[in-house]
N, C-alpha and C. Protein backbone atom coordinates (compact mmCIF):
# COMPACT_ATOMS: atom_id res chain seq x y z
N UNK A 1 39.77 111.80 168.75
CA UNK A 1 38.75 112.46 169.57
C UNK A 1 37.59 112.91 168.68
N UNK A 2 36.37 112.56 169.05
CA UNK A 2 35.22 112.91 168.25
C UNK A 2 34.87 114.38 168.42
N UNK A 3 34.43 115.00 167.33
CA UNK A 3 34.01 116.39 167.39
C UNK A 3 32.54 116.47 167.73
N UNK A 4 32.18 117.55 168.44
CA UNK A 4 30.77 117.79 168.70
C UNK A 4 30.09 118.21 167.40
N UNK A 5 28.85 117.81 167.25
CA UNK A 5 28.09 118.15 166.05
C UNK A 5 26.85 118.95 166.47
N UNK A 6 26.67 120.10 165.83
CA UNK A 6 25.55 120.98 166.15
C UNK A 6 24.67 121.12 164.92
N UNK A 7 23.36 120.97 165.13
CA UNK A 7 22.42 120.93 164.01
C UNK A 7 21.39 122.04 164.15
N UNK A 8 21.13 122.73 163.03
CA UNK A 8 20.04 123.68 162.96
C UNK A 8 18.99 123.17 161.99
N UNK A 9 17.72 123.35 162.34
CA UNK A 9 16.63 122.95 161.46
C UNK A 9 15.73 124.15 161.21
N UNK A 10 15.61 124.54 159.95
CA UNK A 10 14.67 125.59 159.59
C UNK A 10 13.35 124.94 159.20
N UNK A 11 12.28 125.36 159.87
CA UNK A 11 10.98 124.74 159.69
C UNK A 11 10.10 125.61 158.80
N UNK A 12 9.72 125.08 157.65
CA UNK A 12 8.74 125.71 156.78
C UNK A 12 7.49 124.84 156.76
N UNK A 13 6.41 125.36 156.18
CA UNK A 13 5.16 124.61 156.18
C UNK A 13 5.29 123.30 155.43
N UNK A 14 6.04 123.32 154.31
CA UNK A 14 6.09 122.15 153.44
C UNK A 14 7.38 121.34 153.51
N UNK A 15 8.44 121.91 154.09
CA UNK A 15 9.71 121.19 154.14
C UNK A 15 10.54 121.62 155.33
N UNK A 16 11.57 120.83 155.62
CA UNK A 16 12.51 121.09 156.71
C UNK A 16 13.92 121.09 156.13
N UNK A 17 14.67 122.18 156.38
CA UNK A 17 16.06 122.24 155.96
C UNK A 17 16.96 121.99 157.16
N UNK A 18 17.94 121.13 156.97
CA UNK A 18 18.83 120.72 158.06
C UNK A 18 20.26 121.06 157.70
N UNK A 19 20.99 121.63 158.66
CA UNK A 19 22.42 121.95 158.45
C UNK A 19 23.17 121.57 159.71
N UNK A 20 24.36 121.00 159.54
CA UNK A 20 25.20 120.62 160.68
C UNK A 20 26.54 121.33 160.59
N UNK A 21 27.06 121.76 161.73
CA UNK A 21 28.43 122.26 161.81
C UNK A 21 29.15 121.43 162.87
N UNK A 22 30.45 121.17 162.66
CA UNK A 22 31.34 121.78 161.67
C UNK A 22 31.40 121.04 160.32
N UNK A 23 30.59 120.02 160.11
CA UNK A 23 30.73 119.21 158.89
C UNK A 23 30.14 119.89 157.65
N UNK A 24 29.22 120.85 157.85
CA UNK A 24 28.49 121.48 156.75
C UNK A 24 27.63 120.50 155.97
N UNK A 25 27.27 119.38 156.58
CA UNK A 25 26.34 118.44 155.96
C UNK A 25 24.94 119.07 155.95
N UNK A 26 24.21 118.87 154.86
CA UNK A 26 22.87 119.43 154.74
C UNK A 26 21.94 118.41 154.10
N UNK A 27 20.66 118.55 154.39
CA UNK A 27 19.64 117.81 153.64
C UNK A 27 18.29 118.48 153.86
N UNK A 28 17.34 118.14 153.01
CA UNK A 28 15.97 118.65 153.12
C UNK A 28 15.01 117.48 153.08
N UNK A 29 13.98 117.54 153.92
CA UNK A 29 12.93 116.53 153.89
C UNK A 29 11.58 117.23 153.84
N UNK A 30 10.57 116.51 153.38
CA UNK A 30 9.22 117.06 153.39
C UNK A 30 8.72 117.18 154.83
N UNK A 31 7.90 118.21 155.06
CA UNK A 31 7.33 118.39 156.40
C UNK A 31 6.03 117.59 156.49
N UNK A 32 6.20 116.27 156.52
CA UNK A 32 5.07 115.36 156.65
C UNK A 32 5.53 114.15 157.46
N UNK A 33 4.65 113.17 157.63
CA UNK A 33 4.98 112.02 158.48
C UNK A 33 6.21 111.27 157.98
N UNK A 34 6.29 111.04 156.66
CA UNK A 34 7.44 110.33 156.11
C UNK A 34 8.71 111.15 156.28
N UNK A 35 8.60 112.45 156.08
CA UNK A 35 9.76 113.32 156.23
C UNK A 35 10.27 113.36 157.67
N UNK A 36 9.35 113.38 158.63
CA UNK A 36 9.75 113.38 160.03
C UNK A 36 10.44 112.07 160.41
N UNK A 37 9.95 110.96 159.86
CA UNK A 37 10.59 109.67 160.12
C UNK A 37 12.01 109.66 159.57
N UNK A 38 12.18 110.17 158.35
CA UNK A 38 13.51 110.25 157.75
C UNK A 38 14.42 111.18 158.55
N UNK A 39 13.87 112.32 158.95
CA UNK A 39 14.64 113.28 159.75
C UNK A 39 15.19 112.62 161.01
N UNK A 40 14.32 111.97 161.76
CA UNK A 40 14.74 111.34 163.01
C UNK A 40 15.76 110.24 162.76
N UNK A 41 15.54 109.44 161.73
CA UNK A 41 16.46 108.34 161.42
C UNK A 41 17.86 108.87 161.10
N UNK A 42 17.92 109.92 160.29
CA UNK A 42 19.22 110.46 159.90
C UNK A 42 19.92 111.15 161.07
N UNK A 43 19.14 111.87 161.88
CA UNK A 43 19.76 112.57 163.00
C UNK A 43 20.20 111.61 164.11
N UNK A 44 19.45 110.56 164.32
CA UNK A 44 19.90 109.54 165.29
C UNK A 44 21.24 108.97 164.85
N UNK A 45 21.40 108.74 163.54
CA UNK A 45 22.67 108.23 163.02
C UNK A 45 23.80 109.25 163.20
N UNK A 46 23.48 110.53 163.09
CA UNK A 46 24.49 111.57 163.28
C UNK A 46 24.91 111.73 164.74
N UNK A 47 24.02 111.42 165.67
CA UNK A 47 24.27 111.57 167.10
C UNK A 47 24.76 112.97 167.45
N UNK A 48 23.97 114.01 167.15
CA UNK A 48 24.42 115.38 167.40
C UNK A 48 24.48 115.72 168.88
N UNK A 49 25.31 116.70 169.20
CA UNK A 49 25.40 117.22 170.57
C UNK A 49 24.17 118.05 170.91
N UNK A 50 23.69 118.80 169.91
CA UNK A 50 22.58 119.72 170.14
C UNK A 50 21.87 120.00 168.82
N UNK A 51 20.54 120.08 168.87
CA UNK A 51 19.71 120.47 167.73
C UNK A 51 18.92 121.70 168.14
N UNK A 52 18.95 122.73 167.33
CA UNK A 52 18.22 123.97 167.65
C UNK A 52 17.19 124.27 166.56
N UNK A 53 16.00 124.64 167.00
CA UNK A 53 14.94 125.14 166.12
C UNK A 53 14.43 126.45 166.71
N UNK A 54 13.81 127.26 165.84
CA UNK A 54 13.15 128.47 166.31
C UNK A 54 11.68 128.18 166.61
N UNK A 55 11.13 128.94 167.54
CA UNK A 55 9.68 128.94 167.74
C UNK A 55 9.06 129.69 166.56
N UNK A 56 8.22 129.01 165.79
CA UNK A 56 7.72 129.62 164.56
C UNK A 56 6.19 129.65 164.50
N UNK A 57 5.55 129.66 165.65
CA UNK A 57 4.10 129.81 165.66
C UNK A 57 3.32 128.52 165.53
N UNK A 58 3.97 127.39 165.70
CA UNK A 58 3.26 126.11 165.71
C UNK A 58 3.75 125.08 164.73
N UNK A 59 4.30 125.51 163.58
CA UNK A 59 4.77 124.53 162.59
C UNK A 59 5.88 123.65 163.15
N UNK A 60 6.61 124.17 164.13
CA UNK A 60 7.74 123.41 164.67
C UNK A 60 7.32 122.33 165.66
N UNK A 61 6.08 122.38 166.15
CA UNK A 61 5.67 121.49 167.25
C UNK A 61 5.77 120.00 166.89
N UNK A 62 5.20 119.53 165.76
CA UNK A 62 5.36 118.11 165.43
C UNK A 62 6.82 117.70 165.24
N UNK A 63 7.63 118.63 164.74
CA UNK A 63 9.06 118.34 164.53
C UNK A 63 9.75 118.13 165.87
N UNK A 64 9.54 119.06 166.78
CA UNK A 64 10.16 118.97 168.11
C UNK A 64 9.68 117.72 168.83
N UNK A 65 8.38 117.45 168.73
CA UNK A 65 7.83 116.26 169.39
C UNK A 65 8.48 114.99 168.85
N UNK A 66 8.64 114.90 167.53
CA UNK A 66 9.25 113.71 166.93
C UNK A 66 10.70 113.57 167.35
N UNK A 67 11.44 114.67 167.36
CA UNK A 67 12.85 114.62 167.75
C UNK A 67 13.00 114.21 169.21
N UNK A 68 12.18 114.82 170.08
CA UNK A 68 12.26 114.48 171.50
C UNK A 68 11.85 113.04 171.75
N UNK A 69 10.83 112.58 171.02
CA UNK A 69 10.39 111.20 171.15
C UNK A 69 11.49 110.22 170.73
N UNK A 70 12.33 110.65 169.78
CA UNK A 70 13.44 109.81 169.33
C UNK A 70 14.66 109.91 170.25
N UNK A 71 14.54 110.69 171.33
CA UNK A 71 15.63 110.80 172.29
C UNK A 71 16.74 111.74 171.85
N UNK A 72 16.46 112.63 170.91
CA UNK A 72 17.48 113.55 170.40
C UNK A 72 17.54 114.83 171.24
N UNK A 73 18.71 115.44 171.36
CA UNK A 73 18.90 116.62 172.22
C UNK A 73 18.44 117.90 171.51
N UNK A 74 17.19 118.28 171.69
CA UNK A 74 16.60 119.39 170.95
C UNK A 74 16.21 120.53 171.89
N UNK A 75 16.39 121.76 171.40
CA UNK A 75 16.01 122.96 172.14
C UNK A 75 15.30 123.90 171.19
N UNK A 76 14.22 124.52 171.66
CA UNK A 76 13.50 125.53 170.89
C UNK A 76 13.85 126.91 171.45
N UNK A 77 14.32 127.82 170.57
CA UNK A 77 14.77 129.13 171.03
C UNK A 77 13.97 130.24 170.38
N UNK A 78 14.12 131.43 170.93
CA UNK A 78 13.40 132.60 170.45
C UNK A 78 14.01 133.10 169.13
N UNK A 79 13.19 133.30 168.11
CA UNK A 79 13.72 133.78 166.82
C UNK A 79 14.46 135.10 166.93
N UNK A 80 14.04 135.97 167.83
CA UNK A 80 14.71 137.26 167.99
C UNK A 80 16.18 137.08 168.38
N UNK A 81 16.44 136.09 169.24
CA UNK A 81 17.82 135.85 169.68
C UNK A 81 18.67 135.34 168.53
N UNK A 82 18.07 134.53 167.66
CA UNK A 82 18.80 134.04 166.49
C UNK A 82 19.08 135.19 165.53
N UNK A 83 18.10 136.07 165.35
CA UNK A 83 18.31 137.24 164.48
C UNK A 83 19.40 138.15 165.04
N UNK A 84 19.41 138.34 166.36
CA UNK A 84 20.46 139.16 166.99
C UNK A 84 21.84 138.55 166.74
N UNK A 85 21.91 137.23 166.88
CA UNK A 85 23.17 136.53 166.62
C UNK A 85 23.58 136.69 165.16
N UNK A 86 22.64 136.52 164.25
CA UNK A 86 22.95 136.64 162.82
C UNK A 86 23.45 138.04 162.49
N UNK A 87 22.80 139.07 163.03
CA UNK A 87 23.25 140.44 162.78
C UNK A 87 24.64 140.67 163.35
N UNK A 88 24.88 140.17 164.56
CA UNK A 88 26.17 140.39 165.22
C UNK A 88 27.32 139.71 164.48
N UNK A 89 26.99 138.65 163.74
CA UNK A 89 28.04 137.92 163.02
C UNK A 89 28.01 138.21 161.52
N UNK A 90 27.15 139.16 161.12
CA UNK A 90 27.12 139.59 159.72
C UNK A 90 26.50 138.59 158.77
N UNK A 91 25.68 137.67 159.30
CA UNK A 91 25.07 136.64 158.45
C UNK A 91 23.60 137.02 158.20
N UNK A 92 23.40 137.90 157.24
CA UNK A 92 22.09 138.50 157.04
C UNK A 92 21.32 137.92 155.86
N UNK A 93 21.95 137.07 155.07
CA UNK A 93 21.26 136.46 153.92
C UNK A 93 20.08 135.66 154.42
N UNK A 94 19.02 135.57 153.59
CA UNK A 94 17.77 134.98 154.06
C UNK A 94 17.23 133.96 153.06
N UNK A 95 17.54 132.69 153.28
CA UNK A 95 16.87 131.58 152.60
C UNK A 95 16.69 130.50 153.64
N UNK A 96 15.84 129.51 153.35
CA UNK A 96 15.62 128.44 154.32
C UNK A 96 16.91 127.70 154.63
N UNK A 97 17.71 127.41 153.59
CA UNK A 97 18.96 126.68 153.80
C UNK A 97 19.94 127.49 154.63
N UNK A 98 20.04 128.80 154.36
CA UNK A 98 20.94 129.65 155.13
C UNK A 98 20.44 129.83 156.56
N UNK A 99 19.12 129.89 156.73
CA UNK A 99 18.58 129.97 158.09
C UNK A 99 18.96 128.74 158.89
N UNK A 100 18.92 127.56 158.27
CA UNK A 100 19.32 126.33 158.96
C UNK A 100 20.79 126.41 159.36
N UNK A 101 21.61 126.95 158.47
CA UNK A 101 23.05 127.09 158.77
C UNK A 101 23.27 128.05 159.94
N UNK A 102 22.53 129.16 159.94
CA UNK A 102 22.66 130.13 161.04
C UNK A 102 22.23 129.50 162.36
N UNK A 103 21.15 128.71 162.32
CA UNK A 103 20.70 128.03 163.54
C UNK A 103 21.76 127.06 164.05
N UNK A 104 22.42 126.35 163.13
CA UNK A 104 23.48 125.42 163.54
C UNK A 104 24.65 126.18 164.16
N UNK A 105 25.02 127.31 163.54
CA UNK A 105 26.13 128.10 164.07
C UNK A 105 25.76 128.74 165.41
N UNK A 106 24.49 129.14 165.54
CA UNK A 106 23.98 129.64 166.81
C UNK A 106 24.11 128.56 167.88
N UNK A 107 23.71 127.34 167.54
CA UNK A 107 23.81 126.23 168.49
C UNK A 107 25.25 126.01 168.94
N UNK A 108 26.19 126.07 167.98
CA UNK A 108 27.59 125.83 168.30
C UNK A 108 28.19 126.95 169.14
N UNK A 109 27.79 128.19 168.83
CA UNK A 109 28.37 129.35 169.53
C UNK A 109 27.76 129.57 170.90
N UNK A 110 26.44 129.46 170.98
CA UNK A 110 25.72 129.82 172.21
C UNK A 110 25.49 128.62 173.12
N UNK A 111 25.25 127.49 172.53
CA UNK A 111 25.05 126.23 173.25
C UNK A 111 24.00 126.32 174.35
N UNK A 112 22.73 126.63 173.98
CA UNK A 112 21.68 126.59 175.00
C UNK A 112 21.62 125.21 175.65
N UNK A 113 21.40 125.20 176.93
CA UNK A 113 21.46 123.95 177.70
C UNK A 113 20.35 122.99 177.30
N UNK A 114 20.73 121.74 177.09
CA UNK A 114 19.74 120.69 176.83
C UNK A 114 19.25 120.15 178.16
N UNK A 115 17.94 120.15 178.31
CA UNK A 115 17.34 119.64 179.54
C UNK A 115 16.48 118.43 179.19
N UNK A 116 16.94 117.24 179.51
CA UNK A 116 16.18 116.03 179.14
C UNK A 116 14.79 116.03 179.76
N UNK A 117 13.85 115.43 179.05
CA UNK A 117 12.50 115.27 179.57
C UNK A 117 12.45 114.17 180.62
N UNK A 118 11.60 114.33 181.63
CA UNK A 118 11.37 113.20 182.55
C UNK A 118 10.81 112.01 181.78
N UNK A 119 11.04 110.81 182.29
CA UNK A 119 10.61 109.59 181.60
C UNK A 119 9.12 109.59 181.31
N UNK A 120 8.31 110.05 182.27
CA UNK A 120 6.86 110.03 182.08
C UNK A 120 6.47 110.96 180.94
N UNK A 121 7.13 112.12 180.86
CA UNK A 121 6.82 113.07 179.79
C UNK A 121 7.29 112.53 178.43
N UNK A 122 8.43 111.84 178.42
CA UNK A 122 8.93 111.24 177.19
C UNK A 122 7.96 110.19 176.67
N UNK A 123 7.44 109.36 177.56
CA UNK A 123 6.49 108.32 177.16
C UNK A 123 5.20 108.95 176.61
N UNK A 124 4.71 109.97 177.29
CA UNK A 124 3.49 110.63 176.85
C UNK A 124 3.68 111.28 175.48
N UNK A 125 4.84 111.88 175.30
CA UNK A 125 5.14 112.53 174.02
C UNK A 125 5.25 111.48 172.91
N UNK A 126 5.89 110.36 173.22
CA UNK A 126 6.04 109.28 172.24
C UNK A 126 4.69 108.75 171.80
N UNK A 127 3.79 108.57 172.76
CA UNK A 127 2.45 108.07 172.43
C UNK A 127 1.67 109.09 171.60
N UNK A 128 1.82 110.37 171.93
CA UNK A 128 1.13 111.42 171.17
C UNK A 128 1.66 111.50 169.74
N UNK A 129 2.99 111.38 169.58
CA UNK A 129 3.59 111.41 168.25
C UNK A 129 3.12 110.21 167.43
N UNK A 130 3.09 109.04 168.06
CA UNK A 130 2.61 107.83 167.37
C UNK A 130 1.15 107.99 166.95
N UNK A 131 0.32 108.51 167.85
CA UNK A 131 -1.09 108.70 167.54
C UNK A 131 -1.27 109.71 166.42
N UNK A 132 -0.49 110.78 166.43
CA UNK A 132 -0.60 111.79 165.36
C UNK A 132 -0.25 111.17 164.00
N UNK A 133 0.81 110.36 163.98
CA UNK A 133 1.20 109.70 162.73
C UNK A 133 0.09 108.79 162.24
N UNK A 134 -0.56 108.06 163.14
CA UNK A 134 -1.66 107.18 162.75
C UNK A 134 -2.82 107.98 162.16
N UNK A 135 -3.16 109.10 162.80
CA UNK A 135 -4.26 109.94 162.31
C UNK A 135 -3.94 110.51 160.94
N UNK A 136 -2.70 110.96 160.75
CA UNK A 136 -2.29 111.52 159.45
C UNK A 136 -2.35 110.44 158.37
N UNK A 137 -1.92 109.23 158.70
CA UNK A 137 -1.98 108.14 157.73
C UNK A 137 -3.43 107.80 157.38
N UNK A 138 -4.30 107.78 158.39
CA UNK A 138 -5.72 107.52 158.13
C UNK A 138 -6.33 108.61 157.26
N UNK A 139 -5.96 109.85 157.52
CA UNK A 139 -6.46 110.97 156.72
C UNK A 139 -6.04 110.83 155.26
N UNK A 140 -4.79 110.50 155.04
CA UNK A 140 -4.30 110.30 153.68
C UNK A 140 -5.05 109.18 152.96
N UNK A 141 -5.30 108.08 153.69
CA UNK A 141 -6.01 106.95 153.09
C UNK A 141 -7.45 107.33 152.74
N UNK A 142 -8.11 108.05 153.62
CA UNK A 142 -9.49 108.46 153.36
C UNK A 142 -9.56 109.46 152.20
N UNK A 143 -8.62 110.35 152.11
CA UNK A 143 -8.61 111.30 150.99
C UNK A 143 -8.40 110.57 149.66
N UNK A 144 -7.59 109.53 149.68
CA UNK A 144 -7.42 108.72 148.47
C UNK A 144 -8.72 107.99 148.11
N UNK A 145 -9.40 107.45 149.13
CA UNK A 145 -10.66 106.75 148.87
C UNK A 145 -11.71 107.70 148.31
N UNK A 146 -11.72 108.93 148.82
CA UNK A 146 -12.72 109.91 148.37
C UNK A 146 -12.61 110.14 146.86
N UNK A 147 -11.40 110.11 146.36
CA UNK A 147 -11.20 110.35 144.92
C UNK A 147 -11.70 109.18 144.07
N UNK A 148 -11.80 107.99 144.66
CA UNK A 148 -12.17 106.80 143.90
C UNK A 148 -13.65 106.45 143.99
N UNK A 149 -14.29 106.87 145.08
CA UNK A 149 -15.68 106.47 145.33
C UNK A 149 -16.65 107.32 144.53
N UNK A 150 -17.69 106.70 143.97
CA UNK A 150 -18.71 107.41 143.19
C UNK A 150 -20.06 107.47 143.91
N UNK A 151 -20.32 106.53 144.79
CA UNK A 151 -21.59 106.50 145.52
C UNK A 151 -21.66 107.68 146.51
N UNK A 152 -22.74 108.46 146.41
CA UNK A 152 -22.83 109.68 147.22
C UNK A 152 -22.95 109.38 148.71
N UNK A 153 -23.62 108.30 149.04
CA UNK A 153 -23.75 107.93 150.45
C UNK A 153 -22.38 107.62 151.05
N UNK A 154 -21.60 106.84 150.33
CA UNK A 154 -20.26 106.49 150.81
C UNK A 154 -19.37 107.74 150.84
N UNK A 155 -19.53 108.58 149.81
CA UNK A 155 -18.76 109.82 149.80
C UNK A 155 -19.05 110.65 151.04
N UNK A 156 -20.33 110.70 151.42
CA UNK A 156 -20.71 111.46 152.62
C UNK A 156 -20.07 110.89 153.88
N UNK A 157 -20.04 109.57 153.97
CA UNK A 157 -19.40 108.94 155.14
C UNK A 157 -17.91 109.26 155.19
N UNK A 158 -17.27 109.19 154.03
CA UNK A 158 -15.83 109.48 153.96
C UNK A 158 -15.57 110.94 154.31
N UNK A 159 -16.39 111.85 153.78
CA UNK A 159 -16.24 113.27 154.08
C UNK A 159 -16.36 113.53 155.58
N UNK A 160 -17.33 112.86 156.21
CA UNK A 160 -17.53 113.03 157.65
C UNK A 160 -16.30 112.54 158.43
N UNK A 161 -15.76 111.41 157.97
CA UNK A 161 -14.58 110.87 158.65
C UNK A 161 -13.37 111.78 158.45
N UNK A 162 -13.21 112.33 157.24
CA UNK A 162 -12.11 113.26 156.96
C UNK A 162 -12.22 114.48 157.86
N UNK A 163 -13.43 115.01 157.99
CA UNK A 163 -13.64 116.17 158.87
C UNK A 163 -13.26 115.84 160.31
N UNK A 164 -13.67 114.65 160.76
CA UNK A 164 -13.34 114.23 162.13
C UNK A 164 -11.82 114.08 162.31
N UNK A 165 -11.16 113.47 161.32
CA UNK A 165 -9.70 113.25 161.42
C UNK A 165 -8.96 114.58 161.45
N UNK A 166 -9.35 115.53 160.62
CA UNK A 166 -8.70 116.84 160.62
C UNK A 166 -8.88 117.53 161.96
N UNK A 167 -10.08 117.42 162.52
CA UNK A 167 -10.34 118.03 163.82
C UNK A 167 -9.51 117.34 164.91
N UNK A 168 -9.40 116.01 164.84
CA UNK A 168 -8.62 115.26 165.83
C UNK A 168 -7.14 115.62 165.75
N UNK A 169 -6.61 115.77 164.53
CA UNK A 169 -5.19 116.15 164.36
C UNK A 169 -4.95 117.55 164.91
N UNK A 170 -5.88 118.48 164.63
CA UNK A 170 -5.74 119.85 165.12
C UNK A 170 -5.76 119.89 166.64
N UNK A 171 -6.67 119.11 167.23
CA UNK A 171 -6.77 119.05 168.69
C UNK A 171 -5.50 118.44 169.30
N UNK A 172 -5.00 117.38 168.68
CA UNK A 172 -3.77 116.76 169.18
C UNK A 172 -2.59 117.71 169.05
N UNK A 173 -2.54 118.48 167.96
CA UNK A 173 -1.46 119.47 167.79
C UNK A 173 -1.51 120.52 168.89
N UNK A 174 -2.73 120.93 169.27
CA UNK A 174 -2.85 121.90 170.37
C UNK A 174 -2.33 121.30 171.67
N UNK A 175 -2.67 120.04 171.91
CA UNK A 175 -2.19 119.37 173.12
C UNK A 175 -0.66 119.23 173.10
N UNK A 176 -0.13 118.86 171.93
CA UNK A 176 1.32 118.74 171.81
C UNK A 176 2.01 120.08 172.05
N UNK A 177 1.44 121.13 171.49
CA UNK A 177 2.04 122.45 171.67
C UNK A 177 2.06 122.84 173.14
N UNK A 178 0.94 122.60 173.85
CA UNK A 178 0.88 122.93 175.27
C UNK A 178 1.89 122.10 176.06
N UNK A 179 2.02 120.81 175.71
CA UNK A 179 2.96 119.94 176.41
C UNK A 179 4.40 120.39 176.19
N UNK A 180 4.74 120.69 174.94
CA UNK A 180 6.12 121.08 174.63
C UNK A 180 6.46 122.45 175.22
N UNK A 181 5.50 123.39 175.15
CA UNK A 181 5.75 124.72 175.71
C UNK A 181 5.97 124.66 177.22
N UNK A 182 5.38 123.67 177.87
CA UNK A 182 5.55 123.52 179.32
C UNK A 182 6.74 122.64 179.69
N UNK A 183 7.45 122.15 178.69
CA UNK A 183 8.53 121.19 178.94
C UNK A 183 9.89 121.88 178.97
N UNK A 184 10.93 121.16 179.40
CA UNK A 184 12.29 121.73 179.40
C UNK A 184 12.84 122.00 178.00
N UNK A 185 12.18 121.48 176.95
CA UNK A 185 12.65 121.69 175.58
C UNK A 185 12.46 123.13 175.13
N UNK A 186 11.47 123.79 175.70
CA UNK A 186 11.05 125.11 175.21
C UNK A 186 11.81 126.21 175.93
N UNK A 187 12.71 126.89 175.20
CA UNK A 187 13.53 127.93 175.81
C UNK A 187 13.23 129.31 175.20
N UNK A 188 12.10 129.40 174.54
CA UNK A 188 11.74 130.62 173.80
C UNK A 188 11.73 131.85 174.70
N UNK A 189 11.26 131.71 175.92
CA UNK A 189 11.11 132.88 176.80
C UNK A 189 12.39 133.19 177.57
N UNK A 190 13.40 132.35 177.44
CA UNK A 190 14.61 132.53 178.23
C UNK A 190 15.69 133.28 177.45
N UNK A 191 16.53 133.98 178.18
CA UNK A 191 17.69 134.64 177.57
C UNK A 191 18.82 133.62 177.50
N UNK A 192 18.97 132.98 176.35
CA UNK A 192 20.00 131.95 176.21
C UNK A 192 21.31 132.52 175.69
N UNK A 193 21.32 133.83 175.33
CA UNK A 193 22.56 134.43 174.83
C UNK A 193 23.46 134.79 176.01
N UNK A 194 24.06 133.77 176.56
CA UNK A 194 24.89 133.99 177.75
C UNK A 194 26.30 134.43 177.39
N UNK A 195 26.70 134.16 176.15
CA UNK A 195 28.04 134.55 175.73
C UNK A 195 27.94 135.62 174.66
N UNK A 196 29.05 136.22 174.32
CA UNK A 196 29.06 137.25 173.31
C UNK A 196 28.70 136.65 171.96
N UNK A 197 27.72 137.23 171.24
CA UNK A 197 27.37 136.67 169.94
C UNK A 197 28.59 136.57 169.03
N UNK A 198 28.72 135.41 168.41
CA UNK A 198 29.86 135.21 167.51
C UNK A 198 31.02 134.53 168.18
N UNK A 199 30.98 134.41 169.52
CA UNK A 199 32.06 133.72 170.19
C UNK A 199 31.81 132.24 170.15
N UNK A 200 32.81 131.46 170.41
CA UNK A 200 32.65 130.01 170.39
C UNK A 200 32.91 129.48 169.00
N UNK A 201 32.70 128.18 168.81
CA UNK A 201 32.99 127.54 167.55
C UNK A 201 32.19 128.14 166.41
N UNK A 202 32.69 128.13 165.21
CA UNK A 202 31.94 128.62 164.05
C UNK A 202 31.81 127.52 163.03
């Protein structure tokens, strides 16, 4: 009989820490396009029952979008509820890796309900994630070109394009955030602590 696998992801600006229970498997990836691709590839292979992230003010949005686009069972929860769970279970240590472990244990103990996205929303999210990746790749290529070019006219054109790309990525991130916050993935405002903290699998 296969065991359920619960995954917590701690989202930092530059990296993502991943922890699974009950296996205690862990890994870290960069918080960039390549890292998100690796994250999704590895988690699809794991086939987890549930993935939990905290709402962290926006850094989590591209991560959640990528996971949902990959068809993974992801839920975004309120950080206060995770802190309450951590205090109730005496898990007060604070590092990114330990936070990922606490999120995984929270997922296993509390099991917030996964609500799949409608097909139309999944397609829209997939297209937005693909477009964001394309924009980020173009931005990286233009920044590399800027370092090599010496002609001031060409430099000006590249600078203008870089400014446009950064603005387009920021605008797309705002759209993604609004879409995800309005979707069944976002449980930040809900009371998901339906069971006694610390009960359930550890």
